[in-house]
């Protein structure tokens, strides 16, 4: 039995929102990204469904939309009022013990953050990341190396005064 578009959204919608949250760092941007990607999927549902990978289509679409958004913006837009509520998600909550890691990830440039999310959260190989972001494989590798170096430097700086109590 073939799944309908509505069933797909009902079953995979939360996972796509989590993916968007990790990709963008913002629950509002994540929701917008997921919604826009699902709209594109709805236009191509019959074809994508036959390829047996609608979630892959949505994830690649979300990554491409995210990249095109930050290419257009190129800078942060400040707002006068902060959102009044945060996002709580059991899958993401397991990382809450390290809020510094989330801060460091959020401080990365968008392309570097996107490469790390696609590599480590989505477990995609460099070739698929390059295709999703519209860059070369070499760019993926260099962006990942730079991002990991920034995370290591920031992590070491944040934890410089701590002593290791492991025995």
Protein backbone atom coordinates (compact mmCIF):
# COMPACT_ATOMS: atom_id res chain seq x y z
CA UNK A 1 0.00 0.00 0.00
CA UNK A 2 1.38 3.37 -1.01
CA UNK A 3 1.57 6.11 1.60
CA UNK A 4 -0.27 9.33 0.91
CA UNK A 5 1.40 12.69 1.24
CA UNK A 6 -0.61 13.44 4.39
CA UNK A 7 0.49 10.14 5.98
CA UNK A 8 4.12 10.91 5.15
CA UNK A 9 3.88 14.34 6.79
CA UNK A 10 2.15 12.88 9.85
CA UNK A 11 4.75 10.12 10.27
CA UNK A 12 7.95 11.99 9.38
CA UNK A 13 7.01 15.60 10.19
CA UNK A 14 8.58 15.68 13.67
CA UNK A 15 11.84 14.17 12.41
CA UNK A 16 11.98 16.77 9.64
CA UNK A 17 11.42 19.55 12.16
CA UNK A 18 14.29 18.19 14.29
CA UNK A 19 16.49 18.08 11.21
CA UNK A 20 15.55 21.69 10.43
CA UNK A 21 16.28 22.74 14.01
CA UNK A 22 19.73 21.20 13.94
CA UNK A 23 20.37 22.73 10.52
CA UNK A 24 19.20 26.26 11.34
CA UNK A 25 19.52 26.53 15.12
CA UNK A 26 16.14 28.25 15.28
CA UNK A 27 12.75 26.59 15.86
CA UNK A 28 11.01 29.24 13.77
CA UNK A 29 13.43 28.92 10.85
CA UNK A 30 13.23 25.12 11.15
CA UNK A 31 9.44 25.20 10.85
CA UNK A 32 9.61 27.55 7.85
CA UNK A 33 12.25 25.38 6.19
CA UNK A 34 10.29 22.16 6.72
CA UNK A 35 7.08 23.77 5.51
CA UNK A 36 8.65 25.13 2.35
CA UNK A 37 10.37 21.81 1.57
CA UNK A 38 7.13 19.87 2.15
CA UNK A 39 5.32 22.24 -0.21
CA UNK A 40 7.90 21.43 -2.88
CA UNK A 41 7.46 17.71 -2.13
CA UNK A 42 3.69 18.00 -2.51
CA UNK A 43 4.19 19.38 -6.02
CA UNK A 44 6.31 16.33 -6.95
CA UNK A 45 4.74 13.66 -4.69
CA UNK A 46 3.82 11.17 -7.43
CA UNK A 47 7.34 11.14 -8.90
CA UNK A 48 9.23 11.20 -5.58
CA UNK A 49 7.04 8.49 -4.04
CA UNK A 50 7.95 6.16 -6.92
CA UNK A 51 11.66 6.69 -6.14
CA UNK A 52 11.00 5.37 -2.59
CA UNK A 53 12.86 8.20 -0.85
CA UNK A 54 10.56 11.13 -0.11
CA UNK A 55 12.38 11.93 3.14
CA UNK A 56 15.70 12.15 1.31
CA UNK A 57 14.08 14.53 -1.18
CA UNK A 58 12.80 16.72 1.66
CA UNK A 59 16.15 16.73 3.50
CA UNK A 60 18.09 17.70 0.37
CA UNK A 61 15.50 20.35 -0.40
CA UNK A 62 15.76 21.71 3.15
CA UNK A 63 19.56 21.84 2.94
CA UNK A 64 19.42 23.66 -0.40
CA UNK A 65 16.79 26.11 0.84
CA UNK A 66 18.87 26.77 3.94
CA UNK A 67 21.98 27.44 1.87
CA UNK A 68 20.13 29.75 -0.52
CA UNK A 69 18.63 31.63 2.43
CA UNK A 70 21.96 32.36 4.06
CA UNK A 71 23.53 33.18 0.72
CA UNK A 72 20.87 35.87 0.31
CA UNK A 73 21.10 37.19 3.84
CA UNK A 74 24.83 36.93 4.50
CA UNK A 75 24.27 38.51 7.89
CA UNK A 76 22.23 38.10 11.01
CA UNK A 77 18.97 40.00 11.43
CA UNK A 78 18.48 41.23 14.97
CA UNK A 79 15.02 41.40 16.47
CA UNK A 80 13.78 43.59 19.28
CA UNK A 81 11.86 40.85 21.06
CA UNK A 82 13.02 37.30 21.73
CA UNK A 83 10.67 34.36 21.16
CA UNK A 84 8.71 33.64 24.32
CA UNK A 85 9.17 29.87 24.32
CA UNK A 86 11.84 27.35 23.47
CA UNK A 87 11.61 24.00 21.78
CA UNK A 88 11.63 20.77 23.77
CA UNK A 89 12.39 17.57 21.92
CA UNK A 90 13.41 14.23 23.42
CA UNK A 91 15.85 13.45 20.59
CA UNK A 92 17.64 16.77 20.99
CA UNK A 93 17.32 16.84 24.78
CA UNK A 94 20.01 14.18 25.08
CA UNK A 95 22.54 16.87 24.12
CA UNK A 96 21.28 19.33 26.72
CA UNK A 97 24.04 18.30 29.10
CA UNK A 98 26.43 20.22 26.86
CA UNK A 99 24.85 23.62 26.17
CA UNK A 100 28.29 24.89 25.21
CA UNK A 101 28.34 22.52 22.26
CA UNK A 102 25.04 23.94 20.97
CA UNK A 103 26.38 27.47 21.38
CA UNK A 104 29.58 26.60 19.53
CA UNK A 105 27.64 24.90 16.74
CA UNK A 106 25.34 27.90 16.48
CA UNK A 107 28.34 30.24 16.24
CA UNK A 108 29.66 28.49 13.13
CA UNK A 109 29.06 30.09 9.74
CA UNK A 110 25.93 28.61 8.12
CA UNK A 111 27.77 26.61 5.44
CA UNK A 112 30.08 25.00 7.99
CA UNK A 113 27.14 24.20 10.27
CA UNK A 114 25.21 22.72 7.33
CA UNK A 115 28.17 20.50 6.38
CA UNK A 116 28.50 19.18 9.94
CA UNK A 117 24.75 18.57 10.27
CA UNK A 118 24.61 16.69 6.99
CA UNK A 119 27.74 14.69 7.80
CA UNK A 120 27.17 13.81 11.45
CA UNK A 121 23.41 14.18 12.01
CA UNK A 122 22.26 12.80 8.65
CA UNK A 123 25.31 10.54 8.16
CA UNK A 124 25.69 11.55 4.50
CA UNK A 125 28.91 10.96 2.55
CA UNK A 126 30.82 13.94 1.15
CA UNK A 127 29.49 13.40 -2.38
CA UNK A 128 25.86 13.65 -1.24
CA UNK A 129 26.61 16.68 0.94
CA UNK A 130 28.27 18.39 -2.02
CA UNK A 131 25.25 17.65 -4.22
CA UNK A 132 22.81 18.85 -1.54
CA UNK A 133 24.66 22.13 -0.98
CA UNK A 134 25.65 22.72 -4.59
CA UNK A 135 29.38 22.80 -3.85
CA UNK A 136 32.37 20.62 -4.68
CA UNK A 137 33.48 17.62 -2.63
CA UNK A 138 36.68 19.52 -1.78
CA UNK A 139 34.63 22.41 -0.41
CA UNK A 140 32.70 19.99 1.79
CA UNK A 141 35.93 18.55 3.17
CA UNK A 142 37.53 21.96 3.79
CA UNK A 143 34.38 23.38 5.39
CA UNK A 144 34.13 20.33 7.67
CA UNK A 145 37.79 20.64 8.67
CA UNK A 146 37.42 24.35 9.42
CA UNK A 147 34.21 23.79 11.37
CA UNK A 148 35.70 20.99 13.47
CA UNK A 149 38.78 23.12 14.14
CA UNK A 150 36.55 25.99 15.34
CA UNK A 151 34.55 23.62 17.54
CA UNK A 152 37.75 22.17 19.06
CA UNK A 153 39.23 25.61 19.66
CA UNK A 154 36.01 26.90 21.22
CA UNK A 155 35.58 23.76 23.32
CA UNK A 156 39.16 23.90 24.59
CA UNK A 157 38.78 27.60 25.38
CA UNK A 158 35.51 27.02 27.27
CA UNK A 159 36.96 24.13 29.26
CA UNK A 160 40.52 25.42 29.77
CA UNK A 161 40.27 25.74 33.56
CA UNK A 162 38.58 22.40 34.21
CA UNK A 163 40.46 19.46 35.62
CA UNK A 164 39.93 15.92 34.42
CA UNK A 165 38.47 13.87 37.27
CA UNK A 166 38.33 10.57 35.38
CA UNK A 167 40.35 7.82 36.98
